[in-house]
Amino acid sequence: MPEKDLHTDQLLFVSIADGDGHAFAQLFRQYYEPLRANAYKLMKSAFWAEEVVQEVFLYVWAERKTLVEIDQPAAYLYRVTANRCLNRLRRQELESRMQYFVSQALHDSHHDDLSGYRKLEKLITEATGRLPAQQQRIFRLQQEEGLSYQEIASRLGISKNTVRNHMVQTLKSIRQYLQQYGDFYLLLFSVWFLF
């Protein structure tokens, strides 16, 4: 990149960091199409390329105060775009795998003539039964009563951080237990826990 362009981009970043909407519009006009073309090469989808680049510019504006620290504005924009593309591709792959496994769970029978979800519930019950009493209590309050970490902390007379730490350990233990039954149940657990 010529020194002049680099200097101009750095000035744009400094102006945007100060909240200059005109500088942001100029940056958008200058980089939108090249970033979109680059995203398209990675995503192989015009729709997702446009979505990602729009997310990048929203991110740039939201994080504008940090732009003064960027030495190579163009490289920064391309790197943020590439990272967003990779994140989107990973998310799409995970969503596809989850859809497949959920579809299998809903349509197939599994061991012991239990559906995938019923088997998952049985395995989660087994896994939580092996937990320390405090972790079992916290997990049940969160899952069965739908209490927030703060509400659980208040009810049990412990800190919110302690509740969070117990939940992290609980989920790790459950995942480890489910791991011996394969990826199918780990993915089902992820879907179950999210919803």
N, C-alpha and C. Protein backbone atom coordinates (compact mmCIF):
# COMPACT_ATOMS: atom_id res chain seq x y z
N MET A 1 0.85 -1.18 0.00
CA MET A 1 0.00 0.00 0.00
C MET A 1 0.89 1.24 0.00
N PRO A 2 0.63 2.20 -0.88
CA PRO A 2 1.43 3.42 -0.90
C PRO A 2 1.35 4.16 0.43
N GLU A 3 2.44 4.85 0.76
CA GLU A 3 2.53 5.58 2.04
C GLU A 3 1.40 6.60 2.18
N LYS A 4 1.03 7.23 1.06
CA LYS A 4 -0.03 8.24 1.08
C LYS A 4 -1.35 7.61 1.52
N ASP A 5 -1.68 6.43 0.95
CA ASP A 5 -2.93 5.76 1.32
C ASP A 5 -2.93 5.34 2.79
N LEU A 6 -1.79 4.84 3.25
CA LEU A 6 -1.67 4.44 4.64
C LEU A 6 -1.91 5.63 5.56
N HIS A 7 -1.29 6.76 5.23
CA HIS A 7 -1.44 7.97 6.04
C HIS A 7 -2.90 8.44 6.04
N THR A 8 -3.53 8.40 4.85
CA THR A 8 -4.92 8.82 4.73
C THR A 8 -5.82 7.91 5.57
N ASP A 9 -5.60 6.59 5.50
CA ASP A 9 -6.39 5.65 6.29
C ASP A 9 -6.19 5.87 7.79
N GLN A 10 -4.96 6.15 8.19
CA GLN A 10 -4.70 6.41 9.61
C GLN A 10 -5.44 7.66 10.07
N LEU A 11 -5.45 8.70 9.23
CA LEU A 11 -6.19 9.92 9.57
C LEU A 11 -7.68 9.65 9.66
N LEU A 12 -8.19 8.79 8.75
CA LEU A 12 -9.60 8.41 8.82
C LEU A 12 -9.90 7.71 10.14
N PHE A 13 -9.03 6.79 10.52
CA PHE A 13 -9.24 6.07 11.78
C PHE A 13 -9.23 7.02 12.97
N VAL A 14 -8.32 7.98 12.98
CA VAL A 14 -8.27 8.95 14.08
C VAL A 14 -9.55 9.78 14.11
N SER A 15 -10.03 10.20 12.94
CA SER A 15 -11.27 10.99 12.87
C SER A 15 -12.47 10.16 13.33
N ILE A 16 -12.51 8.90 12.90
CA ILE A 16 -13.62 8.02 13.31
C ILE A 16 -13.57 7.81 14.82
N ALA A 17 -12.37 7.65 15.37
CA ALA A 17 -12.23 7.47 16.83
C ALA A 17 -12.80 8.67 17.57
N ASP A 18 -12.75 9.85 16.94
CA ASP A 18 -13.32 11.06 17.54
C ASP A 18 -14.82 11.20 17.27
N GLY A 19 -15.41 10.20 16.58
CA GLY A 19 -16.84 10.21 16.33
C GLY A 19 -17.26 10.88 15.04
N ASP A 20 -16.34 11.08 14.12
CA ASP A 20 -16.63 11.75 12.84
C ASP A 20 -17.38 10.80 11.91
N GLY A 21 -18.67 11.05 11.74
CA GLY A 21 -19.50 10.21 10.88
C GLY A 21 -19.14 10.32 9.41
N HIS A 22 -18.68 11.49 8.99
CA HIS A 22 -18.29 11.66 7.59
C HIS A 22 -17.06 10.82 7.27
N ALA A 23 -16.12 10.77 8.19
CA ALA A 23 -14.92 9.94 7.99
C ALA A 23 -15.32 8.47 7.92
N PHE A 24 -16.27 8.08 8.76
CA PHE A 24 -16.74 6.70 8.76
C PHE A 24 -17.40 6.37 7.41
N ALA A 25 -18.22 7.30 6.90
CA ALA A 25 -18.87 7.10 5.61
C ALA A 25 -17.83 6.97 4.50
N GLN A 26 -16.77 7.78 4.56
CA GLN A 26 -15.71 7.70 3.56
C GLN A 26 -15.00 6.34 3.64
N LEU A 27 -14.71 5.88 4.85
CA LEU A 27 -14.08 4.57 5.03
C LEU A 27 -14.98 3.47 4.46
N PHE A 28 -16.26 3.57 4.75
CA PHE A 28 -17.23 2.59 4.26
C PHE A 28 -17.22 2.54 2.73
N ARG A 29 -17.31 3.73 2.10
CA ARG A 29 -17.32 3.78 0.63
C ARG A 29 -16.03 3.22 0.04
N GLN A 30 -14.93 3.47 0.70
CA GLN A 30 -13.62 3.05 0.20
C GLN A 30 -13.40 1.54 0.34
N TYR A 31 -13.87 0.96 1.45
CA TYR A 31 -13.53 -0.44 1.74
C TYR A 31 -14.66 -1.44 1.63
N TYR A 32 -15.90 -0.97 1.54
CA TYR A 32 -17.00 -1.93 1.53
C TYR A 32 -16.85 -2.97 0.41
N GLU A 33 -16.68 -2.52 -0.80
CA GLU A 33 -16.64 -3.46 -1.93
C GLU A 33 -15.42 -4.39 -1.89
N PRO A 34 -14.21 -3.87 -1.62
CA PRO A 34 -13.07 -4.81 -1.53
C PRO A 34 -13.23 -5.83 -0.40
N LEU A 35 -13.76 -5.41 0.74
CA LEU A 35 -13.97 -6.34 1.85
C LEU A 35 -15.05 -7.35 1.51
N ARG A 36 -16.11 -6.89 0.83
CA ARG A 36 -17.18 -7.81 0.44
C ARG A 36 -16.66 -8.86 -0.54
N ALA A 37 -15.84 -8.41 -1.49
CA ALA A 37 -15.27 -9.35 -2.47
C ALA A 37 -14.37 -10.38 -1.77
N ASN A 38 -13.60 -9.92 -0.81
CA ASN A 38 -12.73 -10.82 -0.06
C ASN A 38 -13.56 -11.80 0.78
N ALA A 39 -14.61 -11.30 1.40
CA ALA A 39 -15.49 -12.16 2.20
C ALA A 39 -16.18 -13.19 1.31
N TYR A 40 -16.55 -12.78 0.10
CA TYR A 40 -17.21 -13.70 -0.82
C TYR A 40 -16.28 -14.86 -1.19
N LYS A 41 -14.99 -14.56 -1.38
CA LYS A 41 -14.03 -15.62 -1.69
C LYS A 41 -13.99 -16.66 -0.57
N LEU A 42 -14.11 -16.19 0.67
CA LEU A 42 -14.06 -17.10 1.81
C LEU A 42 -15.39 -17.80 2.06
N MET A 43 -16.48 -17.07 1.91
CA MET A 43 -17.81 -17.59 2.27
C MET A 43 -18.52 -18.31 1.12
N LYS A 44 -18.20 -17.96 -0.11
CA LYS A 44 -18.87 -18.52 -1.29
C LYS A 44 -20.38 -18.23 -1.27
N SER A 45 -20.74 -17.11 -0.65
CA SER A 45 -22.14 -16.72 -0.56
C SER A 45 -22.21 -15.20 -0.55
N ALA A 46 -22.92 -14.63 -1.53
CA ALA A 46 -23.06 -13.17 -1.59
C ALA A 46 -23.80 -12.65 -0.36
N PHE A 47 -24.84 -13.37 0.05
CA PHE A 47 -25.61 -12.94 1.22
C PHE A 47 -24.73 -12.85 2.46
N TRP A 48 -24.00 -13.95 2.76
CA TRP A 48 -23.20 -13.96 3.98
C TRP A 48 -22.01 -13.02 3.88
N ALA A 49 -21.47 -12.82 2.69
CA ALA A 49 -20.37 -11.86 2.52
C ALA A 49 -20.85 -10.46 2.89
N GLU A 50 -22.03 -10.08 2.42
CA GLU A 50 -22.58 -8.76 2.75
C GLU A 50 -22.88 -8.65 4.24
N GLU A 51 -23.47 -9.69 4.81
CA GLU A 51 -23.77 -9.69 6.25
C GLU A 51 -22.50 -9.49 7.07
N VAL A 52 -21.46 -10.24 6.73
CA VAL A 52 -20.21 -10.17 7.49
C VAL A 52 -19.60 -8.78 7.39
N VAL A 53 -19.56 -8.22 6.20
CA VAL A 53 -18.95 -6.89 6.03
C VAL A 53 -19.76 -5.83 6.77
N GLN A 54 -21.06 -5.95 6.76
CA GLN A 54 -21.88 -5.01 7.54
C GLN A 54 -21.56 -5.15 9.03
N GLU A 55 -21.41 -6.40 9.51
CA GLU A 55 -21.02 -6.63 10.90
C GLU A 55 -19.67 -5.99 11.20
N VAL A 56 -18.75 -6.10 10.25
CA VAL A 56 -17.41 -5.52 10.44
C VAL A 56 -17.52 -4.01 10.63
N PHE A 57 -18.29 -3.34 9.79
CA PHE A 57 -18.40 -1.89 9.92
C PHE A 57 -19.15 -1.49 11.19
N LEU A 58 -20.13 -2.28 11.59
CA LEU A 58 -20.80 -2.01 12.88
C LEU A 58 -19.80 -2.15 14.03
N TYR A 59 -18.97 -3.18 13.93
CA TYR A 59 -17.94 -3.41 14.95
C TYR A 59 -16.94 -2.25 14.98
N VAL A 60 -16.50 -1.81 13.81
CA VAL A 60 -15.54 -0.70 13.73
C VAL A 60 -16.12 0.55 14.40
N TRP A 61 -17.38 0.83 14.12
CA TRP A 61 -17.99 2.01 14.71
C TRP A 61 -18.16 1.84 16.23
N ALA A 62 -18.59 0.67 16.65
CA ALA A 62 -18.79 0.42 18.09
C ALA A 62 -17.47 0.49 18.85
N GLU A 63 -16.38 0.06 18.22
CA GLU A 63 -15.07 0.04 18.88
C GLU A 63 -14.19 1.19 18.40
N ARG A 64 -14.79 2.26 17.92
CA ARG A 64 -14.05 3.35 17.28
C ARG A 64 -12.97 3.97 18.17
N LYS A 65 -13.17 3.96 19.46
CA LYS A 65 -12.18 4.58 20.36
C LYS A 65 -10.82 3.88 20.28
N THR A 66 -10.81 2.61 19.89
CA THR A 66 -9.55 1.86 19.83
C THR A 66 -8.82 2.04 18.50
N LEU A 67 -9.45 2.71 17.54
CA LEU A 67 -8.87 2.81 16.20
C LEU A 67 -7.58 3.61 16.16
N VAL A 68 -7.38 4.51 17.10
CA VAL A 68 -6.15 5.32 17.10
C VAL A 68 -4.92 4.46 17.33
N GLU A 69 -5.10 3.27 17.87
CA GLU A 69 -3.97 2.37 18.15
C GLU A 69 -3.60 1.51 16.95
N ILE A 70 -4.38 1.57 15.87
CA ILE A 70 -4.17 0.71 14.70
C ILE A 70 -3.15 1.36 13.76
N ASP A 71 -2.04 0.65 13.49
CA ASP A 71 -1.00 1.16 12.60
C ASP A 71 -1.30 0.90 11.13
N GLN A 72 -1.94 -0.22 10.84
CA GLN A 72 -2.22 -0.63 9.46
C GLN A 72 -3.74 -0.78 9.28
N PRO A 73 -4.46 0.32 9.03
CA PRO A 73 -5.92 0.25 8.95
C PRO A 73 -6.46 -0.77 7.95
N ALA A 74 -5.89 -0.82 6.75
CA ALA A 74 -6.40 -1.75 5.73
C ALA A 74 -6.20 -3.19 6.20
N ALA A 75 -5.01 -3.50 6.69
CA ALA A 75 -4.73 -4.86 7.18
C ALA A 75 -5.68 -5.21 8.32
N TYR A 76 -5.94 -4.26 9.20
CA TYR A 76 -6.86 -4.46 10.31
C TYR A 76 -8.26 -4.82 9.79
N LEU A 77 -8.76 -4.05 8.81
CA LEU A 77 -10.09 -4.31 8.27
C LEU A 77 -10.18 -5.69 7.62
N TYR A 78 -9.16 -6.04 6.86
CA TYR A 78 -9.16 -7.36 6.21
C TYR A 78 -9.07 -8.49 7.24
N ARG A 79 -8.28 -8.28 8.29
CA ARG A 79 -8.13 -9.31 9.32
C ARG A 79 -9.45 -9.50 10.09
N VAL A 80 -10.09 -8.39 10.46
CA VAL A 80 -11.38 -8.48 11.17
C VAL A 80 -12.40 -9.18 10.28
N THR A 81 -12.41 -8.85 8.99
CA THR A 81 -13.35 -9.47 8.06
C THR A 81 -13.08 -10.97 7.95
N ALA A 82 -11.83 -11.35 7.79
CA ALA A 82 -11.48 -12.77 7.67
C ALA A 82 -11.88 -13.52 8.94
N ASN A 83 -11.61 -12.93 10.11
CA ASN A 83 -11.98 -13.59 11.37
C ASN A 83 -13.49 -13.76 11.48
N ARG A 84 -14.24 -12.74 11.08
CA ARG A 84 -15.70 -12.84 11.11
C ARG A 84 -16.20 -13.93 10.15
N CYS A 85 -15.57 -14.01 8.98
CA CYS A 85 -15.95 -15.06 8.01
C CYS A 85 -15.70 -16.44 8.60
N LEU A 86 -14.53 -16.62 9.19
CA LEU A 86 -14.20 -17.93 9.78
C LEU A 86 -15.15 -18.27 10.92
N ASN A 87 -15.48 -17.29 11.74
CA ASN A 87 -16.44 -17.54 12.83
C ASN A 87 -17.80 -17.94 12.27
N ARG A 88 -18.23 -17.25 11.22
CA ARG A 88 -19.52 -17.56 10.62
C ARG A 88 -19.51 -18.97 10.01
N LEU A 89 -18.42 -19.33 9.33
CA LEU A 89 -18.32 -20.67 8.74
C LEU A 89 -18.34 -21.74 9.82
N ARG A 90 -17.64 -21.50 10.93
CA ARG A 90 -17.65 -22.47 12.04
C ARG A 90 -19.05 -22.61 12.61
N ARG A 91 -19.73 -21.47 12.78
CA ARG A 91 -21.08 -21.49 13.33
C ARG A 91 -22.02 -22.24 12.39
N GLN A 92 -21.89 -22.01 11.08
CA GLN A 92 -22.74 -22.71 10.13
C GLN A 92 -22.47 -24.21 10.16
N GLU A 93 -21.21 -24.60 10.28
CA GLU A 93 -20.88 -26.03 10.36
C GLU A 93 -21.48 -26.64 11.62
N LEU A 94 -21.36 -25.95 12.75
CA LEU A 94 -21.93 -26.45 13.99
C LEU A 94 -23.44 -26.55 13.90
N GLU A 95 -24.07 -25.51 13.32
CA GLU A 95 -25.52 -25.54 13.17
C GLU A 95 -25.97 -26.70 12.29
N SER A 96 -25.21 -26.96 11.22
CA SER A 96 -25.56 -28.10 10.34
C SER A 96 -25.44 -29.41 11.09
N ARG A 97 -24.36 -29.57 11.84
CA ARG A 97 -24.18 -30.81 12.61
C ARG A 97 -25.28 -30.96 13.65
N MET A 98 -25.62 -29.86 14.32
CA MET A 98 -26.66 -29.93 15.33
C MET A 98 -28.01 -30.28 14.70
N GLN A 99 -28.31 -29.67 13.56
CA GLN A 99 -29.56 -29.98 12.87
C GLN A 99 -29.62 -31.46 12.50
N TYR A 100 -28.50 -31.97 12.03
CA TYR A 100 -28.45 -33.38 11.66
C TYR A 100 -28.71 -34.27 12.87
N PHE A 101 -28.00 -33.98 13.97
CA PHE A 101 -28.15 -34.82 15.15
C PHE A 101 -29.53 -34.69 15.78
N VAL A 102 -30.07 -33.48 15.78
CA VAL A 102 -31.42 -33.30 16.33
C VAL A 102 -32.42 -34.04 15.45
N SER A 103 -32.24 -33.96 14.14
CA SER A 103 -33.10 -34.69 13.22
C SER A 103 -33.03 -36.19 13.49
N GLN A 104 -31.82 -36.68 13.70
CA GLN A 104 -31.66 -38.10 14.02
C GLN A 104 -32.36 -38.45 15.33
N ALA A 105 -32.23 -37.57 16.30
CA ALA A 105 -32.85 -37.83 17.61
C ALA A 105 -34.37 -37.87 17.52
N LEU A 106 -34.92 -37.02 16.67
CA LEU A 106 -36.37 -36.96 16.56
C LEU A 106 -36.95 -38.10 15.73
N HIS A 107 -36.16 -38.67 14.83
CA HIS A 107 -36.69 -39.67 13.92
C HIS A 107 -36.23 -41.10 14.19
N ASP A 108 -35.15 -41.24 14.89
CA ASP A 108 -34.60 -42.58 15.10
C ASP A 108 -34.81 -43.04 16.53
N SER A 109 -34.75 -44.31 16.70
CA SER A 109 -34.72 -44.88 18.05
C SER A 109 -33.27 -45.20 18.36
N HIS A 110 -32.94 -45.15 19.63
CA HIS A 110 -31.57 -45.42 20.04
C HIS A 110 -31.56 -46.54 21.07
N HIS A 111 -30.43 -46.75 21.69
CA HIS A 111 -30.25 -47.83 22.65
C HIS A 111 -31.43 -47.91 23.62
N ASP A 112 -31.77 -49.11 23.98
CA ASP A 112 -32.82 -49.36 24.97
C ASP A 112 -34.18 -48.82 24.54
N ASP A 113 -34.42 -48.69 23.24
CA ASP A 113 -35.68 -48.19 22.71
C ASP A 113 -36.08 -46.82 23.26
N LEU A 114 -35.11 -46.00 23.61
CA LEU A 114 -35.40 -44.65 24.06
C LEU A 114 -35.07 -43.67 22.95
N SER A 115 -35.87 -42.63 22.81
CA SER A 115 -35.53 -41.60 21.82
C SER A 115 -34.26 -40.91 22.29
N GLY A 116 -33.63 -40.18 21.39
CA GLY A 116 -32.39 -39.49 21.72
C GLY A 116 -32.53 -38.57 22.93
N TYR A 117 -33.62 -37.81 22.98
CA TYR A 117 -33.79 -36.88 24.09
C TYR A 117 -34.08 -37.61 25.41
N ARG A 118 -34.87 -38.64 25.35
CA ARG A 118 -35.14 -39.39 26.59
C ARG A 118 -33.87 -40.04 27.10
N LYS A 119 -33.08 -40.58 26.19
CA LYS A 119 -31.80 -41.17 26.58
C LYS A 119 -30.89 -40.07 27.16
N LEU A 120 -30.89 -38.90 26.53
CA LEU A 120 -30.09 -37.78 27.03
C LEU A 120 -30.51 -37.40 28.44
N GLU A 121 -31.81 -37.29 28.67
CA GLU A 121 -32.30 -36.95 30.00
C GLU A 121 -31.84 -37.98 31.03
N LYS A 122 -31.90 -39.25 30.65
CA LYS A 122 -31.46 -40.33 31.54
C LYS A 122 -29.97 -40.17 31.84
N LEU A 123 -29.17 -39.88 30.82
CA LEU A 123 -27.73 -39.72 31.02
C LEU A 123 -27.41 -38.49 31.87
N ILE A 124 -28.16 -37.40 31.66
CA ILE A 124 -27.94 -36.19 32.47
C ILE A 124 -28.29 -36.47 33.93
N THR A 125 -29.37 -37.20 34.16
CA THR A 125 -29.75 -37.58 35.53
C THR A 125 -28.65 -38.41 36.17
N GLU A 126 -28.10 -39.35 35.41
CA GLU A 126 -27.00 -40.16 35.93
C GLU A 126 -25.78 -39.29 36.23
N ALA A 127 -25.46 -38.39 35.31
CA ALA A 127 -24.28 -37.53 35.48
C ALA A 127 -24.44 -36.60 36.67
N THR A 128 -25.62 -36.00 36.83
CA THR A 128 -25.82 -35.08 37.96
C THR A 128 -25.86 -35.84 39.28
N GLY A 129 -26.28 -37.09 39.25
CA GLY A 129 -26.29 -37.90 40.46
C GLY A 129 -24.89 -38.16 41.00
N ARG A 130 -23.89 -38.01 40.17
CA ARG A 130 -22.50 -38.23 40.59
C ARG A 130 -21.84 -36.94 41.10
N LEU A 131 -22.54 -35.82 40.99
CA LEU A 131 -21.98 -34.53 41.40
C LEU A 131 -22.04 -34.35 42.91
N PRO A 132 -21.19 -33.47 43.45
CA PRO A 132 -21.32 -33.09 44.86
C PRO A 132 -22.70 -32.46 45.11
N ALA A 133 -23.18 -32.56 46.32
CA ALA A 133 -24.54 -32.12 46.66
C ALA A 133 -24.79 -30.65 46.28
N GLN A 134 -23.84 -29.76 46.56
CA GLN A 134 -24.02 -28.34 46.26
C GLN A 134 -24.17 -28.11 44.75
N GLN A 135 -23.38 -28.81 43.94
CA GLN A 135 -23.49 -28.66 42.50
C GLN A 135 -24.83 -29.19 42.00
N GLN A 136 -25.28 -30.31 42.57
CA GLN A 136 -26.59 -30.85 42.18
C GLN A 136 -27.69 -29.83 42.49
N ARG A 137 -27.63 -29.26 43.68
CA ARG A 137 -28.64 -28.29 44.11
C ARG A 137 -28.67 -27.08 43.16
N ILE A 138 -27.49 -26.54 42.85
CA ILE A 138 -27.41 -25.37 41.98
C ILE A 138 -27.92 -25.70 40.58
N PHE A 139 -27.52 -26.85 40.06
CA PHE A 139 -27.95 -27.25 38.72
C PHE A 139 -29.47 -27.38 38.66
N ARG A 140 -30.06 -28.00 39.67
CA ARG A 140 -31.52 -28.18 39.67
C ARG A 140 -32.25 -26.84 39.79
N LEU A 141 -31.73 -25.96 40.64
CA LEU A 141 -32.37 -24.64 40.76
C LEU A 141 -32.32 -23.89 39.44
N GLN A 142 -31.21 -24.03 38.74
CA GLN A 142 -31.07 -23.32 37.47
C GLN A 142 -31.91 -23.97 36.38
N GLN A 143 -31.90 -25.28 36.30
CA GLN A 143 -32.60 -25.98 35.22
C GLN A 143 -34.09 -26.18 35.49
N GLU A 144 -34.43 -26.62 36.69
CA GLU A 144 -35.83 -26.95 36.97
C GLU A 144 -36.67 -25.75 37.36
N GLU A 145 -36.06 -24.81 38.11
CA GLU A 145 -36.82 -23.64 38.54
C GLU A 145 -36.53 -22.42 37.68
N GLY A 146 -35.51 -22.51 36.82
CA GLY A 146 -35.17 -21.40 35.93
C GLY A 146 -34.62 -20.18 36.63
N LEU A 147 -34.01 -20.39 37.79
CA LEU A 147 -33.47 -19.26 38.55
C LEU A 147 -32.18 -18.75 37.92
N SER A 148 -31.96 -17.43 38.04
CA SER A 148 -30.71 -16.84 37.57
C SER A 148 -29.62 -17.13 38.60
N TYR A 149 -28.37 -16.89 38.22
CA TYR A 149 -27.26 -17.10 39.15
C TYR A 149 -27.45 -16.24 40.40
N GLN A 150 -27.91 -15.00 40.21
CA GLN A 150 -28.11 -14.11 41.35
C GLN A 150 -29.20 -14.64 42.28
N GLU A 151 -30.29 -15.15 41.70
CA GLU A 151 -31.38 -15.69 42.51
C GLU A 151 -30.93 -16.94 43.27
N ILE A 152 -30.14 -17.77 42.62
CA ILE A 152 -29.61 -18.96 43.29
C ILE A 152 -28.70 -18.55 44.43
N ALA A 153 -27.83 -17.57 44.16
CA ALA A 153 -26.90 -17.08 45.20
C ALA A 153 -27.67 -16.57 46.42
N SER A 154 -28.72 -15.80 46.17
CA SER A 154 -29.52 -15.27 47.28
C SER A 154 -30.20 -16.38 48.06
N ARG A 155 -30.74 -17.36 47.35
CA ARG A 155 -31.45 -18.45 48.01
C ARG A 155 -30.50 -19.30 48.85
N LEU A 156 -29.28 -19.54 48.35
CA LEU A 156 -28.34 -20.42 49.05
C LEU A 156 -27.37 -19.67 49.97
N GLY A 157 -27.44 -18.33 49.92
CA GLY A 157 -26.55 -17.54 50.79
C GLY A 157 -25.08 -17.63 50.39
N ILE A 158 -24.84 -17.69 49.08
CA ILE A 158 -23.47 -17.73 48.58
C ILE A 158 -23.33 -16.64 47.51
N SER A 159 -22.12 -16.40 47.04
CA SER A 159 -21.92 -15.35 46.04
C SER A 159 -22.33 -15.83 44.66
N LYS A 160 -22.62 -14.86 43.81
CA LYS A 160 -22.96 -15.16 42.42
C LYS A 160 -21.79 -15.84 41.72
N ASN A 161 -20.57 -15.42 42.03
CA ASN A 161 -19.38 -16.03 41.43
C ASN A 161 -19.24 -17.49 41.83
N THR A 162 -19.60 -17.80 43.07
CA THR A 162 -19.55 -19.19 43.53
C THR A 162 -20.54 -20.03 42.74
N VAL A 163 -21.73 -19.48 42.51
CA VAL A 163 -22.74 -20.18 41.71
C VAL A 163 -22.20 -20.43 40.31
N ARG A 164 -21.63 -19.38 39.69
CA ARG A 164 -21.09 -19.53 38.34
C ARG A 164 -20.00 -20.58 38.30
N ASN A 165 -19.10 -20.56 39.28
CA ASN A 165 -18.01 -21.54 39.32
C ASN A 165 -18.55 -22.97 39.45
N HIS A 166 -19.57 -23.15 40.29
CA HIS A 166 -20.20 -24.47 40.43
C HIS A 166 -20.83 -24.91 39.11
N MET A 167 -21.49 -23.98 38.42
CA MET A 167 -22.13 -24.34 37.15
C MET A 167 -21.09 -24.70 36.09
N VAL A 168 -19.99 -23.98 36.06
CA VAL A 168 -18.92 -24.31 35.11
C VAL A 168 -18.43 -25.73 35.37
N GLN A 169 -18.19 -26.05 36.63
CA GLN A 169 -17.72 -27.40 36.99
C GLN A 169 -18.78 -28.46 36.68
N THR A 170 -20.04 -28.13 36.95
CA THR A 170 -21.14 -29.05 36.70
C THR A 170 -21.25 -29.38 35.22
N LEU A 171 -21.24 -28.35 34.39
CA LEU A 171 -21.37 -28.57 32.95
C LEU A 171 -20.17 -29.34 32.41
N LYS A 172 -19.00 -29.06 32.94
CA LYS A 172 -17.80 -29.79 32.52
C LYS A 172 -17.94 -31.27 32.89
N SER A 173 -18.41 -31.54 34.10
CA SER A 173 -18.59 -32.93 34.55
C SER A 173 -19.63 -33.66 33.70
N ILE A 174 -20.73 -32.99 33.40
CA ILE A 174 -21.78 -33.61 32.59
C ILE A 174 -21.24 -33.91 31.19
N ARG A 175 -20.53 -32.96 30.61
CA ARG A 175 -19.96 -33.19 29.26
C ARG A 175 -18.99 -34.36 29.27
N GLN A 176 -18.16 -34.42 30.30
CA GLN A 176 -17.21 -35.54 30.40
C GLN A 176 -17.95 -36.87 30.50
N TYR A 177 -19.01 -36.89 31.28
CA TYR A 177 -19.80 -38.12 31.42
C TYR A 177 -20.43 -38.51 30.08
N LEU A 178 -20.99 -37.51 29.38
CA LEU A 178 -21.65 -37.78 28.11
C LEU A 178 -20.67 -38.18 27.02
N GLN A 179 -19.44 -37.72 27.16
CA GLN A 179 -18.42 -37.99 26.14
C GLN A 179 -18.23 -39.49 25.90
N GLN A 180 -18.39 -40.28 26.93
CA GLN A 180 -18.21 -41.72 26.76
C GLN A 180 -19.32 -42.33 25.91
N TYR A 181 -20.42 -41.58 25.69
CA TYR A 181 -21.52 -42.07 24.87
C TYR A 181 -21.47 -41.50 23.45
N GLY A 182 -20.48 -40.67 23.16
CA GLY A 182 -20.26 -40.17 21.79
C GLY A 182 -20.71 -38.74 21.58
N ASP A 183 -20.31 -38.22 20.40
CA ASP A 183 -20.60 -36.83 20.02
C ASP A 183 -22.10 -36.56 19.93
N PHE A 184 -22.85 -37.56 19.58
CA PHE A 184 -24.29 -37.38 19.43
C PHE A 184 -24.90 -36.77 20.70
N TYR A 185 -24.59 -37.35 21.83
CA TYR A 185 -25.19 -36.87 23.08
C TYR A 185 -24.58 -35.56 23.56
N LEU A 186 -23.31 -35.32 23.21
CA LEU A 186 -22.71 -34.03 23.54
C LEU A 186 -23.42 -32.91 22.78
N LEU A 187 -23.68 -33.13 21.49
CA LEU A 187 -24.38 -32.12 20.71
C LEU A 187 -25.82 -31.95 21.17
N LEU A 188 -26.48 -33.06 21.46
CA LEU A 188 -27.85 -32.95 21.99
C LEU A 188 -27.87 -32.18 23.29
N PHE A 189 -26.88 -32.41 24.13
CA PHE A 189 -26.79 -31.69 25.41
C PHE A 189 -26.61 -30.20 25.15
N SER A 190 -25.78 -29.85 24.17
CA SER A 190 -25.58 -28.43 23.84
C SER A 190 -26.89 -27.80 23.41
N VAL A 191 -27.64 -28.49 22.56
CA VAL A 191 -28.94 -27.97 22.11
C VAL A 191 -29.89 -27.88 23.29
N TRP A 192 -29.97 -28.93 24.08
CA TRP A 192 -30.86 -28.97 25.25
C TRP A 192 -30.55 -27.84 26.21
N PHE A 193 -29.25 -27.63 26.48
CA PHE A 193 -28.88 -26.61 27.45
C PHE A 193 -29.17 -25.22 26.92
N LEU A 194 -29.01 -24.99 25.61
CA LEU A 194 -29.27 -23.68 25.04
C LEU A 194 -30.74 -23.34 25.09
N PHE A 195 -31.58 -24.35 24.90
CA PHE A 195 -33.02 -24.07 24.80
C PHE A 195 -33.76 -24.47 26.05
